């Protein structure tokens, strides 16, 4: 897997607590996740995967339990592709990263960029909405 997790803590400022879910596969800190079975989540693996519910708090493997930060929290995520600017709306994409996006691909958890990130695969603080 090409995903590299942020090196700083994922949670920047809690607005709500993390929810506990069972893992499907390996999930890394900062990855966007979506439900795949009853109380079970998986890292987003396709661009604009519908149903994203939040961001993983730490690394866990298959069948382990993981904390997921949902809307209302400020977290660190990895940006995919071109740069993002403050106030850009971000959507989950391949490997659980985040990218600026709009339109029909807007179901599930989204994020608002709280800082500019000009580097592909760079870390960005976002507010989950």
N, C-alpha and C. Protein backbone atom coordinates (compact mmCIF):
# COMPACT_ATOMS: atom_id res chain seq x y z
N UNK A 1 0.84 -1.17 0.00
CA UNK A 1 0.00 0.00 0.00
C UNK A 1 0.88 1.23 0.00
N UNK A 2 0.52 2.25 -0.76
CA UNK A 2 1.29 3.47 -0.89
C UNK A 2 0.92 4.51 0.17
N UNK A 3 -0.04 4.24 0.99
CA UNK A 3 -0.49 5.21 1.97
C UNK A 3 0.56 5.43 3.05
N UNK A 4 0.87 6.69 3.32
CA UNK A 4 1.76 7.05 4.41
C UNK A 4 0.97 7.92 5.37
N UNK A 5 0.85 7.51 6.60
CA UNK A 5 0.04 8.21 7.60
C UNK A 5 0.73 9.49 8.07
N UNK A 6 -0.05 10.45 8.55
CA UNK A 6 0.54 11.63 9.17
C UNK A 6 1.41 11.22 10.36
N UNK A 7 2.48 11.98 10.61
CA UNK A 7 3.37 11.64 11.71
C UNK A 7 2.93 12.28 13.03
N UNK A 8 2.12 13.33 12.97
CA UNK A 8 1.60 13.97 14.17
C UNK A 8 0.30 13.28 14.58
N UNK A 9 -0.18 13.60 15.79
CA UNK A 9 -1.47 13.06 16.23
C UNK A 9 -2.55 13.35 15.20
N UNK A 10 -3.46 12.42 15.02
CA UNK A 10 -4.57 12.60 14.08
C UNK A 10 -5.55 13.64 14.61
N UNK A 11 -5.92 13.52 15.85
CA UNK A 11 -6.88 14.47 16.41
C UNK A 11 -6.16 15.77 16.75
N UNK A 12 -6.70 16.88 16.27
CA UNK A 12 -6.15 18.19 16.56
C UNK A 12 -7.00 18.84 17.65
N UNK A 13 -8.31 18.77 17.47
CA UNK A 13 -9.24 19.33 18.44
C UNK A 13 -10.53 18.53 18.38
N UNK A 14 -10.89 17.93 19.51
CA UNK A 14 -12.13 17.15 19.55
C UNK A 14 -13.34 18.05 19.61
N UNK A 15 -14.33 17.74 18.78
CA UNK A 15 -15.63 18.38 18.86
C UNK A 15 -16.60 17.37 19.42
N UNK A 16 -16.35 16.13 19.07
CA UNK A 16 -17.11 14.98 19.57
C UNK A 16 -16.10 13.87 19.82
N UNK A 17 -16.50 12.84 20.48
CA UNK A 17 -15.59 11.73 20.76
C UNK A 17 -15.43 10.82 19.54
N UNK A 18 -14.48 9.90 19.61
CA UNK A 18 -14.30 8.90 18.56
C UNK A 18 -15.28 7.76 18.79
N UNK A 19 -15.77 7.19 17.71
CA UNK A 19 -16.63 6.02 17.76
C UNK A 19 -15.79 4.77 17.57
N UNK A 20 -16.20 3.66 18.13
CA UNK A 20 -15.47 2.40 18.02
C UNK A 20 -16.14 1.50 16.98
N UNK A 21 -15.31 1.01 16.03
CA UNK A 21 -15.78 0.11 14.98
C UNK A 21 -14.80 -1.04 14.83
N UNK A 22 -15.27 -2.15 14.30
CA UNK A 22 -14.43 -3.29 13.96
C UNK A 22 -13.79 -3.02 12.60
N UNK A 23 -12.54 -3.44 12.41
CA UNK A 23 -11.81 -3.21 11.15
C UNK A 23 -12.05 -4.32 10.14
N UNK A 24 -12.15 -3.91 8.90
CA UNK A 24 -12.11 -4.83 7.77
C UNK A 24 -10.81 -4.53 7.03
N UNK A 25 -9.84 -5.39 7.13
CA UNK A 25 -8.53 -5.14 6.54
C UNK A 25 -7.70 -4.26 7.46
N UNK A 26 -6.57 -3.78 6.96
CA UNK A 26 -5.72 -2.88 7.74
C UNK A 26 -6.12 -1.44 7.47
N UNK A 27 -6.24 -0.68 8.53
CA UNK A 27 -6.60 0.74 8.43
C UNK A 27 -5.49 1.53 9.11
N UNK A 28 -5.06 2.62 8.46
CA UNK A 28 -3.98 3.45 8.96
C UNK A 28 -4.50 4.75 9.54
N UNK A 29 -3.74 5.41 10.43
CA UNK A 29 -4.17 6.68 11.01
C UNK A 29 -4.43 7.72 9.93
N UNK A 30 -5.52 8.45 10.07
CA UNK A 30 -5.85 9.52 9.14
C UNK A 30 -6.59 9.08 7.89
N UNK A 31 -6.78 7.78 7.70
CA UNK A 31 -7.52 7.32 6.52
C UNK A 31 -9.01 7.53 6.68
N UNK A 32 -9.66 7.93 5.60
CA UNK A 32 -11.12 8.00 5.57
C UNK A 32 -11.65 6.57 5.56
N UNK A 33 -12.74 6.33 6.30
CA UNK A 33 -13.32 4.99 6.37
C UNK A 33 -14.82 5.04 6.08
N UNK A 34 -15.35 3.89 5.67
CA UNK A 34 -16.79 3.76 5.40
C UNK A 34 -17.27 2.40 5.91
N UNK A 35 -18.57 2.28 6.23
CA UNK A 35 -19.08 1.01 6.76
C UNK A 35 -19.22 -0.05 5.67
N UNK A 36 -18.85 -1.30 6.03
CA UNK A 36 -18.97 -2.41 5.09
C UNK A 36 -19.82 -3.56 5.63
N UNK A 37 -20.06 -3.56 6.94
CA UNK A 37 -20.90 -4.58 7.59
C UNK A 37 -21.37 -3.97 8.91
N UNK A 38 -22.12 -4.72 9.68
CA UNK A 38 -22.63 -4.20 10.95
C UNK A 38 -21.49 -3.76 11.85
N UNK A 39 -21.42 -2.45 12.15
CA UNK A 39 -20.40 -1.85 13.02
C UNK A 39 -18.98 -2.19 12.58
N UNK A 40 -18.76 -2.32 11.27
CA UNK A 40 -17.44 -2.64 10.72
C UNK A 40 -17.10 -1.64 9.62
N UNK A 41 -15.85 -1.14 9.63
CA UNK A 41 -15.42 -0.15 8.64
C UNK A 41 -14.20 -0.62 7.88
N UNK A 42 -14.00 0.04 6.72
CA UNK A 42 -12.88 -0.25 5.85
C UNK A 42 -12.35 1.08 5.31
N UNK A 43 -11.07 1.14 5.00
CA UNK A 43 -10.50 2.35 4.40
C UNK A 43 -11.11 2.57 3.02
N UNK A 44 -11.41 3.82 2.72
CA UNK A 44 -11.92 4.17 1.40
C UNK A 44 -10.91 3.73 0.36
N UNK A 45 -11.37 3.02 -0.68
CA UNK A 45 -10.45 2.48 -1.67
C UNK A 45 -10.73 2.96 -3.09
N UNK A 46 -11.74 3.80 -3.25
CA UNK A 46 -12.07 4.32 -4.58
C UNK A 46 -12.33 5.81 -4.47
N UNK A 47 -12.13 6.53 -5.55
CA UNK A 47 -12.37 7.97 -5.53
C UNK A 47 -13.83 8.26 -5.21
N UNK A 48 -14.04 9.15 -4.27
CA UNK A 48 -15.36 9.62 -3.87
C UNK A 48 -16.29 8.49 -3.45
N UNK A 49 -15.74 7.56 -2.69
CA UNK A 49 -16.51 6.44 -2.14
C UNK A 49 -17.69 6.98 -1.34
N UNK A 50 -18.91 6.57 -1.65
CA UNK A 50 -20.05 7.06 -0.87
C UNK A 50 -20.07 6.44 0.52
N UNK A 51 -20.63 7.16 1.46
CA UNK A 51 -20.83 6.61 2.79
C UNK A 51 -19.68 6.78 3.76
N UNK A 52 -18.69 7.60 3.44
CA UNK A 52 -17.59 7.84 4.37
C UNK A 52 -18.17 8.37 5.69
N UNK A 53 -17.70 7.82 6.82
CA UNK A 53 -18.23 8.26 8.10
C UNK A 53 -17.20 8.99 8.97
N UNK A 54 -15.93 8.98 8.57
CA UNK A 54 -14.94 9.66 9.37
C UNK A 54 -13.52 9.25 9.05
N UNK A 55 -12.63 9.52 10.02
CA UNK A 55 -11.19 9.31 9.87
C UNK A 55 -10.67 8.42 11.00
N UNK A 56 -9.83 7.46 10.64
CA UNK A 56 -9.26 6.53 11.62
C UNK A 56 -8.29 7.23 12.56
N UNK A 57 -8.37 6.90 13.84
CA UNK A 57 -7.54 7.52 14.87
C UNK A 57 -6.14 6.92 14.94
N UNK A 58 -5.98 5.65 14.59
CA UNK A 58 -4.70 4.96 14.71
C UNK A 58 -4.72 3.74 13.80
N UNK A 59 -3.62 3.00 13.74
CA UNK A 59 -3.54 1.80 12.90
C UNK A 59 -4.13 0.60 13.62
N UNK A 60 -4.92 -0.17 12.89
CA UNK A 60 -5.46 -1.44 13.38
C UNK A 60 -5.55 -2.40 12.21
N UNK A 61 -5.53 -3.69 12.52
CA UNK A 61 -5.63 -4.70 11.48
C UNK A 61 -6.98 -5.40 11.53
N UNK A 62 -7.20 -6.25 10.57
CA UNK A 62 -8.47 -6.97 10.39
C UNK A 62 -8.99 -7.54 11.70
N UNK A 63 -10.25 -7.28 11.97
CA UNK A 63 -11.00 -7.76 13.14
C UNK A 63 -10.65 -7.04 14.45
N UNK A 64 -9.68 -6.12 14.44
CA UNK A 64 -9.41 -5.31 15.62
C UNK A 64 -10.44 -4.19 15.71
N UNK A 65 -10.45 -3.49 16.82
CA UNK A 65 -11.37 -2.36 16.98
C UNK A 65 -10.60 -1.06 16.89
N UNK A 66 -11.19 -0.09 16.19
CA UNK A 66 -10.51 1.17 15.91
C UNK A 66 -11.40 2.35 16.25
N UNK A 67 -10.78 3.44 16.70
CA UNK A 67 -11.51 4.69 16.94
C UNK A 67 -11.65 5.45 15.63
N UNK A 68 -12.83 5.99 15.40
CA UNK A 68 -13.10 6.77 14.18
C UNK A 68 -13.65 8.13 14.59
N UNK A 69 -12.95 9.19 14.18
CA UNK A 69 -13.43 10.55 14.42
C UNK A 69 -14.38 10.94 13.30
N UNK A 70 -15.57 11.38 13.68
CA UNK A 70 -16.58 11.77 12.70
C UNK A 70 -16.73 13.28 12.62
N UNK A 71 -17.80 13.73 11.95
CA UNK A 71 -18.06 15.16 11.78
C UNK A 71 -18.02 15.91 13.12
N UNK A 72 -17.48 17.12 13.05
CA UNK A 72 -17.36 17.96 14.23
C UNK A 72 -15.97 17.98 14.82
N UNK A 73 -15.10 17.09 14.35
CA UNK A 73 -13.72 17.02 14.85
C UNK A 73 -12.75 17.67 13.87
N UNK A 74 -11.68 18.24 14.40
CA UNK A 74 -10.58 18.74 13.57
C UNK A 74 -9.49 17.68 13.62
N UNK A 75 -9.10 17.18 12.45
CA UNK A 75 -8.14 16.08 12.36
C UNK A 75 -7.09 16.36 11.29
N UNK A 76 -6.02 15.56 11.30
CA UNK A 76 -5.01 15.62 10.25
C UNK A 76 -5.28 14.50 9.26
N UNK A 77 -5.20 14.84 7.97
CA UNK A 77 -5.41 13.86 6.91
C UNK A 77 -4.32 14.04 5.85
N UNK A 78 -4.27 13.11 4.92
CA UNK A 78 -3.34 13.19 3.80
C UNK A 78 -4.10 13.69 2.57
N UNK A 79 -3.51 14.66 1.88
CA UNK A 79 -4.10 15.24 0.67
C UNK A 79 -3.61 14.48 -0.55
N UNK A 80 -4.51 14.21 -1.48
CA UNK A 80 -4.17 13.51 -2.71
C UNK A 80 -4.20 14.49 -3.88
N UNK A 81 -3.20 14.41 -4.75
CA UNK A 81 -3.21 15.21 -5.97
C UNK A 81 -2.76 16.64 -5.75
N UNK A 82 -3.43 17.54 -6.43
CA UNK A 82 -3.02 18.94 -6.43
C UNK A 82 -3.26 19.59 -5.07
N UNK A 83 -2.74 20.79 -4.94
CA UNK A 83 -2.81 21.54 -3.69
C UNK A 83 -4.24 21.85 -3.28
N UNK A 84 -4.43 22.03 -1.98
CA UNK A 84 -5.70 22.52 -1.45
C UNK A 84 -5.42 23.82 -0.71
N UNK A 85 -6.45 24.67 -0.64
CA UNK A 85 -6.34 25.95 0.04
C UNK A 85 -7.32 26.00 1.19
N UNK A 86 -7.09 26.93 2.10
CA UNK A 86 -8.00 27.12 3.22
C UNK A 86 -9.42 27.32 2.68
N UNK A 87 -10.37 26.63 3.27
CA UNK A 87 -11.81 26.63 2.97
C UNK A 87 -12.22 25.74 1.79
N UNK A 88 -11.28 25.06 1.14
CA UNK A 88 -11.66 24.10 0.09
C UNK A 88 -12.47 22.96 0.71
N UNK A 89 -13.50 22.50 0.00
CA UNK A 89 -14.26 21.34 0.44
C UNK A 89 -13.55 20.09 -0.08
N UNK A 90 -13.27 19.15 0.82
CA UNK A 90 -12.55 17.94 0.46
C UNK A 90 -13.45 16.73 0.58
N UNK A 91 -13.21 15.77 -0.30
CA UNK A 91 -13.95 14.51 -0.30
C UNK A 91 -12.95 13.35 -0.24
N UNK A 92 -13.37 12.20 0.31
CA UNK A 92 -12.46 11.05 0.41
C UNK A 92 -12.22 10.43 -0.96
N UNK A 93 -10.96 10.04 -1.19
CA UNK A 93 -10.58 9.40 -2.45
C UNK A 93 -9.75 8.15 -2.17
N UNK A 94 -9.20 7.59 -3.22
CA UNK A 94 -8.43 6.35 -3.16
C UNK A 94 -7.42 6.36 -2.00
N UNK A 95 -7.29 5.24 -1.33
CA UNK A 95 -6.40 5.01 -0.20
C UNK A 95 -6.81 5.77 1.06
N UNK A 96 -8.03 6.31 1.10
CA UNK A 96 -8.48 7.03 2.28
C UNK A 96 -7.90 8.41 2.41
N UNK A 97 -7.33 8.94 1.32
CA UNK A 97 -6.82 10.31 1.30
C UNK A 97 -7.98 11.26 0.99
N UNK A 98 -7.68 12.56 0.94
CA UNK A 98 -8.71 13.58 0.69
C UNK A 98 -8.29 14.49 -0.44
N UNK A 99 -9.29 14.93 -1.23
CA UNK A 99 -9.02 15.77 -2.41
C UNK A 99 -10.17 16.75 -2.58
N UNK A 100 -9.86 17.93 -3.12
CA UNK A 100 -10.92 18.90 -3.39
C UNK A 100 -11.92 18.29 -4.35
N UNK A 101 -13.21 18.48 -4.08
CA UNK A 101 -14.23 17.92 -4.95
C UNK A 101 -15.60 18.50 -4.68
N UNK A 102 -16.46 18.41 -5.65
CA UNK A 102 -17.83 18.91 -5.52
C UNK A 102 -18.76 18.05 -6.35
N UNK A 103 -20.04 18.40 -6.34
CA UNK A 103 -21.00 17.78 -7.23
C UNK A 103 -21.59 16.49 -6.73
N UNK A 104 -21.83 15.59 -7.65
CA UNK A 104 -22.56 14.35 -7.36
C UNK A 104 -21.81 13.44 -6.40
N UNK A 105 -20.52 13.63 -6.28
CA UNK A 105 -19.71 12.77 -5.42
C UNK A 105 -19.61 13.32 -4.01
N UNK A 106 -20.72 13.75 -3.46
CA UNK A 106 -20.64 14.43 -2.17
C UNK A 106 -21.41 13.74 -1.05
N UNK A 107 -21.67 12.44 -1.19
CA UNK A 107 -22.38 11.76 -0.10
C UNK A 107 -21.40 11.31 0.97
N UNK A 108 -21.84 11.31 2.20
CA UNK A 108 -21.00 10.89 3.31
C UNK A 108 -20.20 12.04 3.89
N UNK A 109 -19.27 11.68 4.77
CA UNK A 109 -18.44 12.67 5.47
C UNK A 109 -17.60 13.46 4.48
N UNK A 110 -17.51 14.75 4.73
CA UNK A 110 -16.67 15.64 3.93
C UNK A 110 -15.79 16.42 4.88
N UNK A 111 -14.92 17.26 4.35
CA UNK A 111 -14.03 18.05 5.19
C UNK A 111 -13.83 19.44 4.58
N UNK A 112 -13.54 20.39 5.44
CA UNK A 112 -13.17 21.73 5.02
C UNK A 112 -11.71 21.93 5.41
N UNK A 113 -10.86 22.29 4.44
CA UNK A 113 -9.44 22.51 4.71
C UNK A 113 -9.25 23.72 5.61
N UNK A 114 -8.45 23.57 6.66
CA UNK A 114 -8.18 24.66 7.59
C UNK A 114 -6.78 25.24 7.40
N UNK A 115 -6.06 24.70 6.44
CA UNK A 115 -4.74 25.22 6.09
C UNK A 115 -4.45 24.88 4.63
N UNK A 116 -3.51 25.57 4.05
CA UNK A 116 -3.10 25.31 2.67
C UNK A 116 -2.07 24.19 2.67
N UNK A 117 -2.20 23.29 1.71
CA UNK A 117 -1.22 22.21 1.54
C UNK A 117 -0.91 22.12 0.05
N UNK A 118 0.33 22.40 -0.32
CA UNK A 118 0.71 22.46 -1.73
C UNK A 118 1.42 21.20 -2.22
N UNK A 119 1.52 20.19 -1.36
CA UNK A 119 2.27 18.99 -1.70
C UNK A 119 1.36 17.78 -1.80
N UNK A 120 1.48 17.03 -2.91
CA UNK A 120 0.76 15.76 -3.02
C UNK A 120 1.21 14.85 -1.88
N UNK A 121 0.28 14.21 -1.21
CA UNK A 121 0.54 13.34 -0.06
C UNK A 121 1.02 14.12 1.17
N UNK A 122 0.75 15.42 1.21
CA UNK A 122 1.08 16.22 2.37
C UNK A 122 -0.01 16.14 3.42
N UNK A 123 0.31 16.52 4.64
CA UNK A 123 -0.63 16.52 5.75
C UNK A 123 -1.38 17.83 5.79
N UNK A 124 -2.68 17.76 6.09
CA UNK A 124 -3.51 18.96 6.16
C UNK A 124 -4.49 18.83 7.33
N UNK A 125 -4.65 19.90 8.09
CA UNK A 125 -5.66 19.92 9.15
C UNK A 125 -7.00 20.28 8.53
N UNK A 126 -8.04 19.52 8.89
CA UNK A 126 -9.37 19.74 8.32
C UNK A 126 -10.43 19.64 9.41
N UNK A 127 -11.57 20.27 9.15
CA UNK A 127 -12.76 20.10 9.98
C UNK A 127 -13.67 19.13 9.26
N UNK A 128 -13.98 18.00 9.90
CA UNK A 128 -14.90 17.03 9.29
C UNK A 128 -16.33 17.55 9.39
N UNK A 129 -17.05 17.48 8.28
CA UNK A 129 -18.45 17.95 8.25
C UNK A 129 -19.36 16.86 7.74
